[in-house]
């Protein structure tokens, strides 16, 4: 689909553009984002405009480093269908939640979510 909205896709039958099949082994990715479906509701404490603490799964984690925000929005011209989001990649320190996560703030509602974890 011609959209930047997250999770918007269309399934079409496979159609090869090559007359001769190409067999090539590509290197495995070094990092992948594992998307949580549905995303986990969270609470985020902001300090000086940057996430400082993330609370989810009944655990509180300190943000060691944060990259972002990456903002996107769409359908602002359609009543009731507009969307907006602010994404951050954060490294968290905590017993059960240490790792690198993607957190998202819905810029329409203001709610925060943990959208996925890098592994």
Protein backbone atom coordinates (compact mmCIF):
# COMPACT_ATOMS: atom_id res chain seq x y z
CA UNK A 1 0.00 0.00 0.00
CA UNK A 2 1.17 3.51 -0.71
CA UNK A 3 1.37 4.66 2.91
CA UNK A 4 3.86 5.28 5.69
CA UNK A 5 1.29 4.18 8.27
CA UNK A 6 2.59 1.30 10.41
CA UNK A 7 1.15 -2.18 9.74
CA UNK A 8 -0.53 -1.15 6.47
CA UNK A 9 0.06 -3.80 3.84
CA UNK A 10 -1.54 -5.67 0.97
CA UNK A 11 -1.00 -9.32 0.07
CA UNK A 12 -0.62 -10.02 -3.65
CA UNK A 13 0.15 -13.25 -5.51
CA UNK A 14 3.88 -13.77 -6.06
CA UNK A 15 5.10 -12.69 -9.47
CA UNK A 16 8.76 -13.01 -10.43
CA UNK A 17 10.32 -10.20 -12.42
CA UNK A 18 13.24 -12.39 -13.53
CA UNK A 19 13.06 -14.81 -16.45
CA UNK A 20 15.73 -16.99 -14.80
CA UNK A 21 15.53 -17.67 -11.07
CA UNK A 22 18.36 -16.12 -9.08
CA UNK A 23 19.94 -18.27 -6.37
CA UNK A 24 22.06 -16.17 -4.12
CA UNK A 25 22.80 -16.60 -0.44
CA UNK A 26 22.61 -13.32 1.39
CA UNK A 27 24.31 -12.77 4.73
CA UNK A 28 22.10 -13.09 7.79
CA UNK A 29 21.07 -9.81 9.39
CA UNK A 30 23.05 -8.86 12.48
CA UNK A 31 20.09 -7.31 14.28
CA UNK A 32 16.33 -7.59 13.96
CA UNK A 33 13.38 -5.79 15.51
CA UNK A 34 10.90 -8.22 17.04
CA UNK A 35 7.50 -6.49 16.91
CA UNK A 36 5.10 -7.09 19.81
CA UNK A 37 1.51 -7.66 18.66
CA UNK A 38 -0.28 -6.00 20.27
CA UNK A 39 2.25 -3.43 21.48
CA UNK A 40 2.72 -3.27 25.25
CA UNK A 41 1.19 -0.30 27.05
CA UNK A 42 3.82 1.60 28.98
CA UNK A 43 4.51 4.71 30.97
CA UNK A 44 7.45 6.90 30.02
CA UNK A 45 9.06 9.61 32.12
CA UNK A 46 10.54 12.42 30.04
CA UNK A 47 13.44 14.58 31.20
CA UNK A 48 14.65 17.50 29.07
CA UNK A 49 12.58 16.19 26.13
CA UNK A 50 14.16 12.71 26.17
CA UNK A 51 12.80 9.43 27.64
CA UNK A 52 14.52 8.78 30.98
CA UNK A 53 12.47 5.95 32.53
CA UNK A 54 10.22 3.31 30.95
CA UNK A 55 7.73 1.29 33.01
CA UNK A 56 6.13 -1.82 31.47
CA UNK A 57 5.32 -5.39 32.55
CA UNK A 58 5.31 -4.08 36.14
CA UNK A 59 9.00 -3.24 35.85
CA UNK A 60 10.76 0.11 35.90
CA UNK A 61 13.83 0.54 33.72
CA UNK A 62 16.28 3.41 33.39
CA UNK A 63 17.00 4.62 29.86
CA UNK A 64 20.77 4.39 29.28
CA UNK A 65 20.65 5.98 25.83
CA UNK A 66 17.92 7.11 23.46
CA UNK A 67 17.81 7.79 19.73
CA UNK A 68 14.96 9.73 18.18
CA UNK A 69 12.38 10.95 17.88
CA UNK A 70 11.34 9.87 14.41
CA UNK A 71 7.97 11.40 13.69
CA UNK A 72 5.45 10.34 11.08
CA UNK A 73 1.81 11.12 10.45
CA UNK A 74 -0.84 10.79 7.81
CA UNK A 75 -4.45 11.08 6.77
CA UNK A 76 -4.63 14.50 8.43
CA UNK A 77 -6.96 15.52 5.63
CA UNK A 78 -9.54 12.84 6.59
CA UNK A 79 -11.77 13.48 9.60
CA UNK A 80 -11.38 10.77 12.25
CA UNK A 81 -8.74 8.81 10.32
CA UNK A 82 -5.62 10.86 11.01
CA UNK A 83 -2.69 9.19 12.73
CA UNK A 84 0.61 10.36 14.16
CA UNK A 85 3.47 8.72 16.02
CA UNK A 86 6.84 9.46 17.55
CA UNK A 87 9.34 6.58 17.67
CA UNK A 88 12.38 6.22 19.92
CA UNK A 89 14.96 3.44 20.17
CA UNK A 90 16.08 3.12 23.78
CA UNK A 91 18.62 1.00 25.63
CA UNK A 92 17.15 0.00 29.00
CA UNK A 93 18.85 -1.14 32.19
CA UNK A 94 16.86 -3.37 34.52
CA UNK A 95 16.82 -6.91 35.86
CA UNK A 96 14.18 -8.46 33.61
CA UNK A 97 13.93 -5.81 30.88
CA UNK A 98 17.52 -4.95 29.97
CA UNK A 99 17.91 -4.58 26.23
CA UNK A 100 17.21 -2.29 23.30
CA UNK A 101 13.57 -1.48 22.58
CA UNK A 102 11.43 0.57 20.20
CA UNK A 103 9.00 2.78 22.12
CA UNK A 104 6.25 4.76 20.42
CA UNK A 105 4.09 7.67 21.50
CA UNK A 106 0.75 8.06 19.76
CA UNK A 107 0.83 11.79 19.08
CA UNK A 108 -2.97 11.97 18.80
CA UNK A 109 -3.80 10.31 22.15
CA UNK A 110 -0.46 10.86 23.93
CA UNK A 111 -0.29 7.17 24.98
CA UNK A 112 3.04 5.33 25.01
CA UNK A 113 3.72 1.75 23.89
CA UNK A 114 6.66 -0.64 23.68
CA UNK A 115 6.39 -1.70 20.06
CA UNK A 116 9.24 -4.19 19.91
CA UNK A 117 12.66 -5.38 21.06
CA UNK A 118 15.88 -5.65 19.10
CA UNK A 119 17.62 -9.02 19.23
